[in-house]
Amino acid sequence: MKKVIYSFFILSFLACTIDSENTITDKESEKQEFNFLDSLAGALQSEEDALFDEQTNDGEFFSLETMVSPKITGNVWPQANSIGETHYAFDFHSFPDSSFEMGVFELEPNAKFTDVMSTSISAVGLLMSPKAKKIFEAFNLGKHKFYPCIVDDLKGESRTYFYLQLIADLDADEYINFEKSEFVSFTGLSPTESDSVIQFASNQEYLNYKADKYDRWKDGIDDKMEMVDVKQLFINNLDTSLSIFMFSKMTQEIYASKELATALKVNGITGIEIKSTNRLILD
């Protein structure tokens, strides 16, 4: 109940502030204001029902990733490439130095402007419009920074964007119950139901296993490289106020809370895929 109430107030605030032209300013009628809030609550409930009706676990977490859709993003990935050395300034676990400036991105031919855009930057983060930034910054993002930048297209149009760099990278050994968690090993493009399910005692054992399989393939011992992917992670001690996080040494997925996922959906943020996941279970 607490999360539902919190989500309602966050989304009510966002609906009134994201587009200043749509801000409620008429105070002459309390009835009109009540009807607006009542309608918003109904719309929010409908969106939540539609977004989460396929959830197979308790619906706590969702994965976020940039979209590839010819109709929405254009038939290209990434949509925007940095001009210069920007993409080398970032890593997974630290911020650039204080003098760093994001600079300019160039929209790729055949790419389209969206609220969230794919980039060639190898760190964990998202390039986003001011509209998307207002939504994200209303939530607990952990350790992060927003970097203003410009995205130019080939027609001479320039738009202001922000790169959100996320350092909300959780220590696997601290938060994952390895006794319950399961992984899958495979040699194809992606796991199948017939692939072997395996377990590890620690994050280091997991990393050592992956490194060994890579070395065996590189040295010609194995014809195909065995890959390892997460099947299901049981999570301990998670700060439930955190709205976004990842385990970058295990998977490149960005996980989001139900409240953040709902806000992105309700406000029509384009260029991002919000997928239900049964990979994470609160233990």
C-alpha atoms as a PDB file:
ATOM      1  CA  MET A   1       0.000   0.000   0.000  1.00  0.00           C
ATOM      2  CA  LYS A   2       2.848   2.365   0.867  1.00  0.00           C
ATOM      3  CA  LYS A   3       4.457   1.879  -2.556  1.00  0.00           C
ATOM      4  CA  VAL A   4       1.154   2.432  -4.356  1.00  0.00           C
ATOM      5  CA  ILE A   5       0.563   5.719  -2.515  1.00  0.00           C
ATOM      6  CA  TYR A   6       4.153   6.853  -3.155  1.00  0.00           C
ATOM      7  CA  SER A   7       3.860   5.944  -6.825  1.00  0.00           C
ATOM      8  CA  PHE A   8       0.586   7.855  -7.120  1.00  0.00           C
ATOM      9  CA  PHE A   9       2.057  11.079  -5.711  1.00  0.00           C
ATOM     10  CA  ILE A  10       5.223  10.812  -7.828  1.00  0.00           C
ATOM     11  CA  LEU A  11       3.219  10.293 -11.005  1.00  0.00           C
ATOM     12  CA  SER A  12       0.743  13.029 -10.087  1.00  0.00           C
ATOM     13  CA  PHE A  13       3.673  15.417  -9.683  1.00  0.00           C
ATOM     14  CA  LEU A  14       5.246  14.336 -12.958  1.00  0.00           C
ATOM     15  CA  ALA A  15       2.019  14.618 -14.916  1.00  0.00           C
ATOM     16  CA  CYS A  16       1.718  18.241 -13.771  1.00  0.00           C
ATOM     17  CA  THR A  17       5.341  19.294 -14.305  1.00  0.00           C
ATOM     18  CA  ILE A  18       6.786  17.458 -17.316  1.00  0.00           C
ATOM     19  CA  ASP A  19       5.000  19.714 -19.802  1.00  0.00           C
ATOM     20  CA  SER A  20       4.570  23.235 -18.473  1.00  0.00           C
ATOM     21  CA  GLU A  21       1.759  23.873 -20.937  1.00  0.00           C
ATOM     22  CA  ASN A  22      -0.261  21.138 -19.242  1.00  0.00           C
ATOM     23  CA  THR A  23       0.321  22.364 -15.667  1.00  0.00           C
ATOM     24  CA  ILE A  24      -2.883  22.712 -13.622  1.00  0.00           C
ATOM     25  CA  THR A  25      -3.254  26.399 -12.747  1.00  0.00           C
ATOM     26  CA  ASP A  26      -7.000  26.833 -12.443  1.00  0.00           C
ATOM     27  CA  LYS A  27      -7.827  27.090  -8.732  1.00  0.00           C
ATOM     28  CA  GLU A  28     -11.375  28.359  -9.206  1.00  0.00           C
ATOM     29  CA  SER A  29     -12.944  24.955  -8.952  1.00  0.00           C
ATOM     30  CA  GLU A  30     -12.032  22.337  -6.341  1.00  0.00           C
ATOM     31  CA  LYS A  31     -14.290  19.923  -8.151  1.00  0.00           C
ATOM     32  CA  GLN A  32     -12.262  20.278 -11.353  1.00  0.00           C
ATOM     33  CA  GLU A  33      -9.038  19.538  -9.442  1.00  0.00           C
ATOM     34  CA  PHE A  34     -10.595  16.501  -7.768  1.00  0.00           C
ATOM     35  CA  ASN A  35     -11.811  15.181 -11.114  1.00  0.00           C
ATOM     36  CA  PHE A  36      -8.311  15.569 -12.553  1.00  0.00           C
ATOM     37  CA  LEU A  37      -6.719  13.584  -9.728  1.00  0.00           C
ATOM     38  CA  ASP A  38      -9.437  10.970  -9.904  1.00  0.00           C
ATOM     39  CA  SER A  39      -8.876  10.573 -13.646  1.00  0.00           C
ATOM     40  CA  LEU A  40      -5.121  10.359 -13.159  1.00  0.00           C
ATOM     41  CA  ALA A  41      -5.526   7.639 -10.556  1.00  0.00           C
ATOM     42  CA  GLY A  42      -7.706   5.658 -12.939  1.00  0.00           C
ATOM     43  CA  ALA A  43      -5.239   6.088 -15.799  1.00  0.00           C
ATOM     44  CA  LEU A  44      -2.360   5.046 -13.567  1.00  0.00           C
ATOM     45  CA  GLN A  45      -4.171   1.909 -12.474  1.00  0.00           C
ATOM     46  CA  SER A  46      -4.953   1.000 -16.079  1.00  0.00           C
ATOM     47  CA  GLU A  47      -1.320   1.505 -17.133  1.00  0.00           C
ATOM     48  CA  GLU A  48      -0.044  -0.589 -14.241  1.00  0.00           C
ATOM     49  CA  ASP A  49      -2.473  -3.372 -15.078  1.00  0.00           C
ATOM     50  CA  ALA A  50      -1.395  -3.368 -18.732  1.00  0.00           C
ATOM     51  CA  LEU A  51       2.311  -3.191 -17.946  1.00  0.00           C
ATOM     52  CA  PHE A  52       2.427  -5.868 -15.273  1.00  0.00           C
ATOM     53  CA  ASP A  53      -0.246  -8.369 -16.287  1.00  0.00           C
ATOM     54  CA  GLU A  54       2.372 -10.782 -17.691  1.00  0.00           C
ATOM     55  CA  GLN A  55       4.624 -10.659 -14.635  1.00  0.00           C
ATOM     56  CA  THR A  56       5.472 -14.159 -13.468  1.00  0.00           C
ATOM     57  CA  ASN A  57       6.950 -13.298 -10.047  1.00  0.00           C
ATOM     58  CA  ASP A  58       5.902 -10.718  -7.458  1.00  0.00           C
ATOM     59  CA  GLY A  59       6.321  -7.873  -9.939  1.00  0.00           C
ATOM     60  CA  GLU A  60       9.045  -6.032  -8.036  1.00  0.00           C
ATOM     61  CA  PHE A  61      11.606  -5.501 -10.827  1.00  0.00           C
ATOM     62  CA  PHE A  62      11.835  -4.728 -14.536  1.00  0.00           C
ATOM     63  CA  SER A  63      14.741  -4.503 -16.961  1.00  0.00           C
ATOM     64  CA  LEU A  64      15.441  -1.365 -18.978  1.00  0.00           C
ATOM     65  CA  GLU A  65      17.268  -1.305 -22.295  1.00  0.00           C
ATOM     66  CA  THR A  66      17.472   0.964 -25.304  1.00  0.00           C
ATOM     67  CA  MET A  67      15.111   0.060 -28.107  1.00  0.00           C
ATOM     68  CA  VAL A  68      15.851  -0.997 -31.673  1.00  0.00           C
ATOM     69  CA  SER A  69      12.747  -0.350 -33.760  1.00  0.00           C
ATOM     70  CA  PRO A  70      12.769   0.954 -37.352  1.00  0.00           C
ATOM     71  CA  LYS A  71       9.473   2.764 -36.733  1.00  0.00           C
ATOM     72  CA  ILE A  72      10.506   4.443 -33.476  1.00  0.00           C
ATOM     73  CA  THR A  73      14.313   4.674 -33.318  1.00  0.00           C
ATOM     74  CA  GLY A  74      15.210   4.166 -36.962  1.00  0.00           C
ATOM     75  CA  ASN A  75      16.877   1.098 -38.409  1.00  0.00           C
ATOM     76  CA  VAL A  76      20.270   1.718 -36.796  1.00  0.00           C
ATOM     77  CA  TRP A  77      22.152   1.043 -33.553  1.00  0.00           C
ATOM     78  CA  PRO A  78      23.441   3.060 -31.838  1.00  0.00           C
ATOM     79  CA  GLN A  79      21.311   6.080 -32.605  1.00  0.00           C
ATOM     80  CA  ALA A  80      23.908   8.615 -31.453  1.00  0.00           C
ATOM     81  CA  ASN A  81      27.698   8.544 -31.527  1.00  0.00           C
ATOM     82  CA  SER A  82      29.914  10.864 -29.532  1.00  0.00           C
ATOM     83  CA  ILE A  83      32.186  13.214 -31.423  1.00  0.00           C
ATOM     84  CA  GLY A  84      35.742  12.944 -30.126  1.00  0.00           C
ATOM     85  CA  GLU A  85      36.879  10.842 -27.166  1.00  0.00           C
ATOM     86  CA  THR A  86      33.763  11.072 -24.975  1.00  0.00           C
ATOM     87  CA  HIS A  87      33.059   7.340 -24.951  1.00  0.00           C
ATOM     88  CA  TYR A  88      36.531   6.639 -23.528  1.00  0.00           C
ATOM     89  CA  ALA A  89      35.970   8.933 -20.538  1.00  0.00           C
ATOM     90  CA  PHE A  90      33.543   6.569 -18.797  1.00  0.00           C
ATOM     91  CA  ASP A  91      33.955   3.272 -17.028  1.00  0.00           C
ATOM     92  CA  PHE A  92      31.646   1.078 -14.980  1.00  0.00           C
ATOM     93  CA  HIS A  93      32.710   2.047 -11.476  1.00  0.00           C
ATOM     94  CA  SER A  94      33.843   5.705 -11.401  1.00  0.00           C
ATOM     95  CA  PHE A  95      32.976   9.138 -12.736  1.00  0.00           C
ATOM     96  CA  PRO A  96      35.177  11.173 -15.099  1.00  0.00           C
ATOM     97  CA  ASP A  97      37.263  13.910 -13.458  1.00  0.00           C
ATOM     98  CA  SER A  98      35.590  17.173 -12.476  1.00  0.00           C
ATOM     99  CA  SER A  99      36.761  19.037 -15.597  1.00  0.00           C
ATOM    100  CA  PHE A 100      34.996  16.612 -17.945  1.00  0.00           C
ATOM    101  CA  GLU A 101      32.441  18.027 -20.392  1.00  0.00           C
ATOM    102  CA  MET A 102      30.162  15.743 -22.364  1.00  0.00           C
ATOM    103  CA  GLY A 103      30.322  17.657 -25.633  1.00  0.00           C
ATOM    104  CA  VAL A 104      28.374  16.746 -28.757  1.00  0.00           C
ATOM    105  CA  PHE A 105      26.733  13.593 -30.085  1.00  0.00           C
ATOM    106  CA  GLU A 106      25.875  13.100 -33.732  1.00  0.00           C
ATOM    107  CA  LEU A 107      22.617  11.413 -34.690  1.00  0.00           C
ATOM    108  CA  GLU A 108      23.351   8.553 -37.059  1.00  0.00           C
ATOM    109  CA  PRO A 109      21.884   8.572 -40.584  1.00  0.00           C
ATOM    110  CA  ASN A 110      18.448   6.891 -40.527  1.00  0.00           C
ATOM    111  CA  ALA A 111      18.236   7.283 -36.728  1.00  0.00           C
ATOM    112  CA  LYS A 112      15.390   9.191 -35.070  1.00  0.00           C
ATOM    113  CA  PHE A 113      15.270  11.372 -31.975  1.00  0.00           C
ATOM    114  CA  THR A 114      13.674   9.586 -29.010  1.00  0.00           C
ATOM    115  CA  ASP A 115      13.479  10.328 -25.297  1.00  0.00           C
ATOM    116  CA  VAL A 116      16.103   7.660 -24.571  1.00  0.00           C
ATOM    117  CA  MET A 117      18.726   6.937 -27.222  1.00  0.00           C
ATOM    118  CA  SER A 118      21.339   4.226 -27.664  1.00  0.00           C
ATOM    119  CA  THR A 119      25.000   5.289 -27.724  1.00  0.00           C
ATOM    120  CA  SER A 120      28.430   3.732 -28.192  1.00  0.00           C
ATOM    121  CA  ILE A 121      29.476   4.525 -24.595  1.00  0.00           C
ATOM    122  CA  SER A 122      30.557   1.313 -22.889  1.00  0.00           C
ATOM    123  CA  ALA A 123      29.691   2.325 -19.301  1.00  0.00           C
ATOM    124  CA  VAL A 124      26.299   1.760 -17.681  1.00  0.00           C
ATOM    125  CA  GLY A 125      24.101   4.740 -18.470  1.00  0.00           C
ATOM    126  CA  LEU A 126      21.377   6.233 -20.626  1.00  0.00           C
ATOM    127  CA  LEU A 127      21.272   9.218 -22.988  1.00  0.00           C
ATOM    128  CA  MET A 128      17.964  10.977 -22.397  1.00  0.00           C
ATOM    129  CA  SER A 129      15.835  14.011 -23.177  1.00  0.00           C
ATOM    130  CA  PRO A 130      14.926  16.667 -20.573  1.00  0.00           C
ATOM    131  CA  LYS A 131      11.467  15.055 -20.340  1.00  0.00           C
ATOM    132  CA  ALA A 132      12.960  11.677 -19.443  1.00  0.00           C
ATOM    133  CA  LYS A 133      15.453  13.301 -17.033  1.00  0.00           C
ATOM    134  CA  LYS A 134      12.611  14.805 -14.986  1.00  0.00           C
ATOM    135  CA  ILE A 135      11.157  11.347 -14.485  1.00  0.00           C
ATOM    136  CA  PHE A 136      14.401   9.609 -13.561  1.00  0.00           C
ATOM    137  CA  GLU A 137      15.574  12.284 -11.139  1.00  0.00           C
ATOM    138  CA  ALA A 138      12.317  12.006  -9.171  1.00  0.00           C
ATOM    139  CA  PHE A 139      13.472   8.547  -8.020  1.00  0.00           C
ATOM    140  CA  ASN A 140      16.328   7.156  -5.952  1.00  0.00           C
ATOM    141  CA  LEU A 141      19.020   6.373  -8.548  1.00  0.00           C
ATOM    142  CA  GLY A 142      21.808   5.608  -6.096  1.00  0.00           C
ATOM    143  CA  LYS A 143      25.230   6.961  -7.046  1.00  0.00           C
ATOM    144  CA  HIS A 144      24.850   8.779 -10.360  1.00  0.00           C
ATOM    145  CA  LYS A 145      25.480  11.955 -12.355  1.00  0.00           C
ATOM    146  CA  PHE A 146      23.725  13.742 -15.205  1.00  0.00           C
ATOM    147  CA  TYR A 147      25.929  15.280 -17.913  1.00  0.00           C
ATOM    148  CA  PRO A 148      24.365  17.858 -20.263  1.00  0.00           C
ATOM    149  CA  CYS A 149      25.180  17.469 -23.941  1.00  0.00           C
ATOM    150  CA  ILE A 150      23.982  18.303 -27.430  1.00  0.00           C
ATOM    151  CA  VAL A 151      22.751  15.886 -30.100  1.00  0.00           C
ATOM    152  CA  ASP A 152      23.027  17.166 -33.686  1.00  0.00           C
ATOM    153  CA  ASP A 153      21.389  15.593 -36.692  1.00  0.00           C
ATOM    154  CA  LEU A 154      22.547  15.783 -40.301  1.00  0.00           C
ATOM    155  CA  LYS A 155      19.900  18.398 -41.123  1.00  0.00           C
ATOM    156  CA  GLY A 156      21.368  20.896 -38.681  1.00  0.00           C
ATOM    157  CA  GLU A 157      18.896  20.400 -35.836  1.00  0.00           C
ATOM    158  CA  SER A 158      20.397  20.457 -32.326  1.00  0.00           C
ATOM    159  CA  ARG A 159      18.674  19.195 -29.194  1.00  0.00           C
ATOM    160  CA  THR A 160      19.668  19.249 -25.543  1.00  0.00           C
ATOM    161  CA  TYR A 161      20.114  15.832 -23.931  1.00  0.00           C
ATOM    162  CA  PHE A 162      21.581  14.445 -20.723  1.00  0.00           C
ATOM    163  CA  TYR A 163      23.744  11.381 -20.213  1.00  0.00           C
ATOM    164  CA  LEU A 164      22.851   9.600 -16.981  1.00  0.00           C
ATOM    165  CA  GLN A 165      25.848   7.665 -15.706  1.00  0.00           C
ATOM    166  CA  LEU A 166      24.886   5.038 -13.142  1.00  0.00           C
ATOM    167  CA  ILE A 167      27.256   3.725 -10.480  1.00  0.00           C
ATOM    168  CA  ALA A 168      24.500   1.874  -8.619  1.00  0.00           C
ATOM    169  CA  ASP A 169      26.442  -1.336  -9.120  1.00  0.00           C
ATOM    170  CA  LEU A 170      25.740  -3.795  -6.314  1.00  0.00           C
ATOM    171  CA  ASP A 171      28.296  -6.221  -4.867  1.00  0.00           C
ATOM    172  CA  ALA A 172      27.129  -9.671  -5.926  1.00  0.00           C
ATOM    173  CA  ASP A 173      28.573 -11.429  -2.867  1.00  0.00           C
ATOM    174  CA  GLU A 174      26.787  -9.029  -0.522  1.00  0.00           C
ATOM    175  CA  TYR A 175      23.368  -9.108  -2.149  1.00  0.00           C
ATOM    176  CA  ILE A 176      23.025 -12.445  -3.962  1.00  0.00           C
ATOM    177  CA  ASN A 177      22.161 -15.690  -2.212  1.00  0.00           C
ATOM    178  CA  PHE A 178      24.279 -18.068  -4.313  1.00  0.00           C
ATOM    179  CA  GLU A 179      22.913 -21.158  -2.574  1.00  0.00           C
ATOM    180  CA  LYS A 180      19.523 -20.520  -4.179  1.00  0.00           C
ATOM    181  CA  SER A 181      20.524 -18.668  -7.356  1.00  0.00           C
ATOM    182  CA  GLU A 182      20.776 -20.517 -10.664  1.00  0.00           C
ATOM    183  CA  PHE A 183      22.692 -19.958 -13.897  1.00  0.00           C
ATOM    184  CA  VAL A 184      22.531 -21.582 -17.305  1.00  0.00           C
ATOM    185  CA  SER A 185      25.434 -22.627 -19.545  1.00  0.00           C
ATOM    186  CA  PHE A 186      25.018 -22.665 -23.335  1.00  0.00           C
ATOM    187  CA  THR A 187      27.003 -22.628 -26.586  1.00  0.00           C
ATOM    188  CA  GLY A 188      24.455 -21.109 -28.971  1.00  0.00           C
ATOM    189  CA  LEU A 189      23.338 -17.542 -29.487  1.00  0.00           C
ATOM    190  CA  SER A 190      21.101 -17.642 -26.401  1.00  0.00           C
ATOM    191  CA  PRO A 191      20.032 -20.122 -23.705  1.00  0.00           C
ATOM    192  CA  THR A 192      17.367 -22.746 -24.377  1.00  0.00           C
ATOM    193  CA  GLU A 193      15.273 -24.897 -22.050  1.00  0.00           C
ATOM    194  CA  SER A 194      17.526 -27.907 -22.705  1.00  0.00           C
ATOM    195  CA  ASP A 195      20.730 -26.148 -21.549  1.00  0.00           C
ATOM    196  CA  SER A 196      22.378 -27.122 -18.272  1.00  0.00           C
ATOM    197  CA  VAL A 197      21.490 -25.305 -15.064  1.00  0.00           C
ATOM    198  CA  ILE A 198      24.495 -24.711 -12.814  1.00  0.00           C
ATOM    199  CA  GLN A 199      25.215 -23.020  -9.476  1.00  0.00           C
ATOM    200  CA  PHE A 200      28.170 -21.208  -7.940  1.00  0.00           C
ATOM    201  CA  ALA A 201      29.261 -20.663  -4.351  1.00  0.00           C
ATOM    202  CA  SER A 202      30.378 -17.068  -4.908  1.00  0.00           C
ATOM    203  CA  ASN A 203      30.780 -14.328  -7.475  1.00  0.00           C
ATOM    204  CA  GLN A 204      34.490 -15.147  -7.791  1.00  0.00           C
ATOM    205  CA  GLU A 205      33.710 -18.776  -8.600  1.00  0.00           C
ATOM    206  CA  TYR A 206      31.297 -17.554 -11.272  1.00  0.00           C
ATOM    207  CA  LEU A 207      33.945 -15.236 -12.784  1.00  0.00           C
ATOM    208  CA  ASN A 208      36.613 -17.963 -12.672  1.00  0.00           C
ATOM    209  CA  TYR A 209      34.281 -20.399 -14.440  1.00  0.00           C
ATOM    210  CA  LYS A 210      33.611 -17.922 -17.253  1.00  0.00           C
ATOM    211  CA  ALA A 211      37.304 -17.107 -17.618  1.00  0.00           C
ATOM    212  CA  ASP A 212      38.206 -20.822 -17.815  1.00  0.00           C
ATOM    213  CA  LYS A 213      35.615 -21.481 -20.522  1.00  0.00           C
ATOM    214  CA  TYR A 214      36.917 -18.517 -22.526  1.00  0.00           C
ATOM    215  CA  ASP A 215      40.523 -19.723 -22.226  1.00  0.00           C
ATOM    216  CA  ARG A 216      39.563 -23.253 -23.335  1.00  0.00           C
ATOM    217  CA  TRP A 217      37.897 -21.843 -26.455  1.00  0.00           C
ATOM    218  CA  LYS A 218      40.731 -19.400 -27.181  1.00  0.00           C
ATOM    219  CA  ASP A 219      43.352 -22.168 -26.853  1.00  0.00           C
ATOM    220  CA  GLY A 220      41.422 -24.448 -29.208  1.00  0.00           C
ATOM    221  CA  ILE A 221      40.521 -27.024 -26.554  1.00  0.00           C
ATOM    222  CA  ASP A 222      36.804 -26.471 -27.093  1.00  0.00           C
ATOM    223  CA  ASP A 223      35.274 -25.918 -30.554  1.00  0.00           C
ATOM    224  CA  LYS A 224      32.602 -23.607 -29.158  1.00  0.00           C
ATOM    225  CA  MET A 225      32.854 -21.166 -26.289  1.00  0.00           C
ATOM    226  CA  GLU A 226      30.577 -22.028 -23.395  1.00  0.00           C
ATOM    227  CA  MET A 227      28.623 -18.987 -22.217  1.00  0.00           C
ATOM    228  CA  VAL A 228      26.973 -18.456 -18.847  1.00  0.00           C
ATOM    229  CA  ASP A 229      23.840 -16.424 -18.236  1.00  0.00           C
ATOM    230  CA  VAL A 230      21.697 -15.665 -15.202  1.00  0.00           C
ATOM    231  CA  LYS A 231      18.604 -17.803 -14.837  1.00  0.00           C
ATOM    232  CA  GLN A 232      17.399 -16.531 -11.461  1.00  0.00           C
ATOM    233  CA  LEU A 233      19.037 -14.476  -8.713  1.00  0.00           C
ATOM    234  CA  PHE A 234      17.797 -14.499  -5.131  1.00  0.00           C
ATOM    235  CA  ILE A 235      18.479 -11.084  -3.602  1.00  0.00           C
ATOM    236  CA  ASN A 236      19.237 -10.330   0.059  1.00  0.00           C
ATOM    237  CA  ASN A 237      19.495  -7.039   1.968  1.00  0.00           C
ATOM    238  CA  LEU A 238      18.368  -4.841  -0.924  1.00  0.00           C
ATOM    239  CA  ASP A 239      17.514  -1.231  -0.105  1.00  0.00           C
ATOM    240  CA  THR A 240      13.958  -1.232  -1.451  1.00  0.00           C
ATOM    241  CA  SER A 241      13.996   2.567  -1.815  1.00  0.00           C
ATOM    242  CA  LEU A 242      16.545   2.135  -4.635  1.00  0.00           C
ATOM    243  CA  SER A 243      14.766   2.549  -7.960  1.00  0.00           C
ATOM    244  CA  ILE A 244      17.535   1.404 -10.280  1.00  0.00           C
ATOM    245  CA  PHE A 245      20.543  -0.898  -9.934  1.00  0.00           C
ATOM    246  CA  MET A 246      22.628  -3.546 -11.669  1.00  0.00           C
ATOM    247  CA  PHE A 247      25.126  -6.361 -11.145  1.00  0.00           C
ATOM    248  CA  SER A 248      27.531  -5.396 -13.942  1.00  0.00           C
ATOM    249  CA  LYS A 249      29.993  -8.267 -13.327  1.00  0.00           C
ATOM    250  CA  MET A 250      27.198 -10.782 -13.882  1.00  0.00           C
ATOM    251  CA  THR A 251      24.826  -9.202 -16.376  1.00  0.00           C
ATOM    252  CA  GLN A 252      24.550  -5.959 -18.354  1.00  0.00           C
ATOM    253  CA  GLU A 253      20.865  -5.575 -17.540  1.00  0.00           C
ATOM    254  CA  ILE A 254      19.691  -2.412 -15.799  1.00  0.00           C
ATOM    255  CA  TYR A 255      17.001  -3.281 -13.258  1.00  0.00           C
ATOM    256  CA  ALA A 256      14.272  -0.819 -12.305  1.00  0.00           C
ATOM    257  CA  SER A 257      11.619  -0.745  -9.622  1.00  0.00           C
ATOM    258  CA  LYS A 258       7.961  -1.134 -10.469  1.00  0.00           C
ATOM    259  CA  GLU A 259       7.374   2.536  -9.607  1.00  0.00           C
ATOM    260  CA  LEU A 260      10.045   3.818 -12.009  1.00  0.00           C
ATOM    261  CA  ALA A 261       8.934   1.453 -14.775  1.00  0.00           C
ATOM    262  CA  THR A 262       5.362   2.651 -14.347  1.00  0.00           C
ATOM    263  CA  ALA A 263       6.371   6.327 -14.485  1.00  0.00           C
ATOM    264  CA  LEU A 264       8.257   5.778 -17.739  1.00  0.00           C
ATOM    265  CA  LYS A 265       5.290   3.950 -19.244  1.00  0.00           C
ATOM    266  CA  VAL A 266       2.614   6.368 -18.060  1.00  0.00           C
ATOM    267  CA  ASN A 267       4.523   9.380 -19.397  1.00  0.00           C
ATOM    268  CA  GLY A 268       5.136   7.813 -22.807  1.00  0.00           C
ATOM    269  CA  ILE A 269       8.940   7.817 -22.754  1.00  0.00           C
ATOM    270  CA  THR A 270      10.130   6.658 -26.177  1.00  0.00           C
ATOM    271  CA  GLY A 271      13.231   4.707 -27.149  1.00  0.00           C
ATOM    272  CA  ILE A 272      13.338   2.449 -24.098  1.00  0.00           C
ATOM    273  CA  GLU A 273      12.107  -1.106 -23.639  1.00  0.00           C
ATOM    274  CA  ILE A 274      10.589  -1.996 -20.284  1.00  0.00           C
ATOM    275  CA  LYS A 275      10.514  -5.744 -19.810  1.00  0.00           C
ATOM    276  CA  SER A 276       9.131  -7.767 -16.948  1.00  0.00           C
ATOM    277  CA  THR A 277      11.725 -10.096 -15.482  1.00  0.00           C
ATOM    278  CA  ASN A 278      11.530 -13.211 -13.347  1.00  0.00           C
ATOM    279  CA  ARG A 279      15.310 -13.222 -12.917  1.00  0.00           C
ATOM    280  CA  LEU A 280      15.256 -11.371  -9.598  1.00  0.00           C
ATOM    281  CA  ILE A 281      13.538 -12.676  -6.488  1.00  0.00           C
ATOM    282  CA  LEU A 282      13.613 -10.959  -3.107  1.00  0.00           C
ATOM    283  CA  ASP A 283      14.801 -13.626  -0.683  1.00  0.00           C
END
